[in-house]
């Protein structure tokens, strides 16, 4: 089963851009996961178990690295064309 997730990270720091860039770079390290980032959020798509494990691992790593942050995620079952423009 495929999964698409829209993720927004809101670090509770004055320097909020560095943790977001750090997370995006780490998301690129996962084989089989497609990532697209725009000015509002990041979307990832891949096999359900891979994407969920990735989110668990990377959210925990972000908390350990930077402390408090808010993550807002929207989940869509299936593979969504992240490159499609409307």
C-alpha atoms as a PDB file:
ATOM      1  CA  UNK A   1       0.000   0.000   0.000  1.00  0.00           C
ATOM      2  CA  UNK A   2       1.297   3.441  -0.914  1.00  0.00           C
ATOM      3  CA  UNK A   3       1.084   6.537   1.293  1.00  0.00           C
ATOM      4  CA  UNK A   4       1.465  10.262   0.634  1.00  0.00           C
ATOM      5  CA  UNK A   5       2.108  12.655   3.536  1.00  0.00           C
ATOM      6  CA  UNK A   6       2.145  16.446   3.671  1.00  0.00           C
ATOM      7  CA  UNK A   7       4.503  17.559   6.475  1.00  0.00           C
ATOM      8  CA  UNK A   8       5.058  20.949   8.065  1.00  0.00           C
ATOM      9  CA  UNK A   9       7.668  21.405  10.801  1.00  0.00           C
ATOM     10  CA  UNK A  10       7.511  24.414  13.117  1.00  0.00           C
ATOM     11  CA  UNK A  11      10.633  24.515  15.310  1.00  0.00           C
ATOM     12  CA  UNK A  12      10.070  26.545  18.457  1.00  0.00           C
ATOM     13  CA  UNK A  13      13.314  28.510  17.997  1.00  0.00           C
ATOM     14  CA  UNK A  14      14.287  31.945  16.724  1.00  0.00           C
ATOM     15  CA  UNK A  15      16.500  30.221  14.145  1.00  0.00           C
ATOM     16  CA  UNK A  16      13.770  28.028  12.680  1.00  0.00           C
ATOM     17  CA  UNK A  17      15.114  27.615   9.131  1.00  0.00           C
ATOM     18  CA  UNK A  18      18.148  25.469   9.985  1.00  0.00           C
ATOM     19  CA  UNK A  19      16.141  22.644  11.631  1.00  0.00           C
ATOM     20  CA  UNK A  20      13.726  22.588   8.671  1.00  0.00           C
ATOM     21  CA  UNK A  21      16.592  22.386   6.160  1.00  0.00           C
ATOM     22  CA  UNK A  22      18.226  19.679   8.277  1.00  0.00           C
ATOM     23  CA  UNK A  23      15.045  17.589   8.221  1.00  0.00           C
ATOM     24  CA  UNK A  24      14.498  17.988   4.478  1.00  0.00           C
ATOM     25  CA  UNK A  25      18.070  16.896   3.772  1.00  0.00           C
ATOM     26  CA  UNK A  26      17.591  13.794   5.930  1.00  0.00           C
ATOM     27  CA  UNK A  27      14.340  12.879   4.158  1.00  0.00           C
ATOM     28  CA  UNK A  28      16.301  12.704   0.911  1.00  0.00           C
ATOM     29  CA  UNK A  29      18.317   9.785   2.308  1.00  0.00           C
ATOM     30  CA  UNK A  30      15.470   7.277   2.019  1.00  0.00           C
ATOM     31  CA  UNK A  31      15.377   4.999  -1.014  1.00  0.00           C
ATOM     32  CA  UNK A  32      11.939   4.542  -2.512  1.00  0.00           C
ATOM     33  CA  UNK A  33      10.549   7.771  -1.046  1.00  0.00           C
ATOM     34  CA  UNK A  34       9.751  10.708  -3.315  1.00  0.00           C
ATOM     35  CA  UNK A  35      10.059  14.187  -1.769  1.00  0.00           C
ATOM     36  CA  UNK A  36       8.845  17.573  -3.003  1.00  0.00           C
ATOM     37  CA  UNK A  37       9.218  20.757  -0.964  1.00  0.00           C
ATOM     38  CA  UNK A  38       7.527  24.091  -1.532  1.00  0.00           C
ATOM     39  CA  UNK A  39       7.363  27.265   0.539  1.00  0.00           C
ATOM     40  CA  UNK A  40       4.603  25.899   2.792  1.00  0.00           C
ATOM     41  CA  UNK A  41       5.355  22.225   3.359  1.00  0.00           C
ATOM     42  CA  UNK A  42       7.089  19.067   2.244  1.00  0.00           C
ATOM     43  CA  UNK A  43       5.303  16.141   0.628  1.00  0.00           C
ATOM     44  CA  UNK A  44       6.642  12.589   0.672  1.00  0.00           C
ATOM     45  CA  UNK A  45       5.281   9.516  -1.065  1.00  0.00           C
ATOM     46  CA  UNK A  46       6.258   5.865  -0.888  1.00  0.00           C
ATOM     47  CA  UNK A  47       5.441   2.460   0.530  1.00  0.00           C
ATOM     48  CA  UNK A  48       3.287   2.863   3.660  1.00  0.00           C
ATOM     49  CA  UNK A  49       5.623   1.100   6.107  1.00  0.00           C
ATOM     50  CA  UNK A  50       8.714   2.861   4.757  1.00  0.00           C
ATOM     51  CA  UNK A  51       7.136   6.315   5.002  1.00  0.00           C
ATOM     52  CA  UNK A  52       5.759   5.720   8.513  1.00  0.00           C
ATOM     53  CA  UNK A  53       9.114   4.371   9.773  1.00  0.00           C
ATOM     54  CA  UNK A  54      10.880   7.337   8.173  1.00  0.00           C
ATOM     55  CA  UNK A  55       8.555   9.801   9.917  1.00  0.00           C
ATOM     56  CA  UNK A  56       9.014   8.080  13.267  1.00  0.00           C
ATOM     57  CA  UNK A  57      12.794   8.019  12.945  1.00  0.00           C
ATOM     58  CA  UNK A  58      13.187  11.566  11.670  1.00  0.00           C
ATOM     59  CA  UNK A  59      10.723  13.220  14.038  1.00  0.00           C
ATOM     60  CA  UNK A  60      12.508  11.602  16.977  1.00  0.00           C
ATOM     61  CA  UNK A  61      15.894  12.676  15.598  1.00  0.00           C
ATOM     62  CA  UNK A  62      14.633  16.249  15.159  1.00  0.00           C
ATOM     63  CA  UNK A  63      13.418  16.381  18.760  1.00  0.00           C
ATOM     64  CA  UNK A  64      16.744  15.005  20.006  1.00  0.00           C
ATOM     65  CA  UNK A  65      18.744  17.440  17.847  1.00  0.00           C
ATOM     66  CA  UNK A  66      16.712  20.648  18.256  1.00  0.00           C
ATOM     67  CA  UNK A  67      14.264  20.197  21.115  1.00  0.00           C
ATOM     68  CA  UNK A  68      10.695  21.402  20.845  1.00  0.00           C
ATOM     69  CA  UNK A  69       8.970  21.569  17.483  1.00  0.00           C
ATOM     70  CA  UNK A  70       5.467  21.152  16.162  1.00  0.00           C
ATOM     71  CA  UNK A  71       4.838  18.723  13.303  1.00  0.00           C
ATOM     72  CA  UNK A  72       1.637  18.945  11.279  1.00  0.00           C
ATOM     73  CA  UNK A  73       1.053  15.976   8.972  1.00  0.00           C
ATOM     74  CA  UNK A  74      -1.765  15.128   6.577  1.00  0.00           C
ATOM     75  CA  UNK A  75      -1.998  11.550   5.334  1.00  0.00           C
ATOM     76  CA  UNK A  76      -3.471  10.365   2.046  1.00  0.00           C
ATOM     77  CA  UNK A  77      -3.703   6.660   1.258  1.00  0.00           C
ATOM     78  CA  UNK A  78      -2.225   5.967  -2.135  1.00  0.00           C
ATOM     79  CA  UNK A  79       0.425   7.500  -4.295  1.00  0.00           C
ATOM     80  CA  UNK A  80      -0.217  11.099  -5.284  1.00  0.00           C
ATOM     81  CA  UNK A  81       1.637  12.681  -8.200  1.00  0.00           C
ATOM     82  CA  UNK A  82       3.776  15.205  -6.319  1.00  0.00           C
ATOM     83  CA  UNK A  83       5.031  16.813  -9.531  1.00  0.00           C
ATOM     84  CA  UNK A  84       1.551  17.555 -10.943  1.00  0.00           C
ATOM     85  CA  UNK A  85       0.630  21.203 -11.290  1.00  0.00           C
ATOM     86  CA  UNK A  86      -3.009  22.290 -11.180  1.00  0.00           C
END
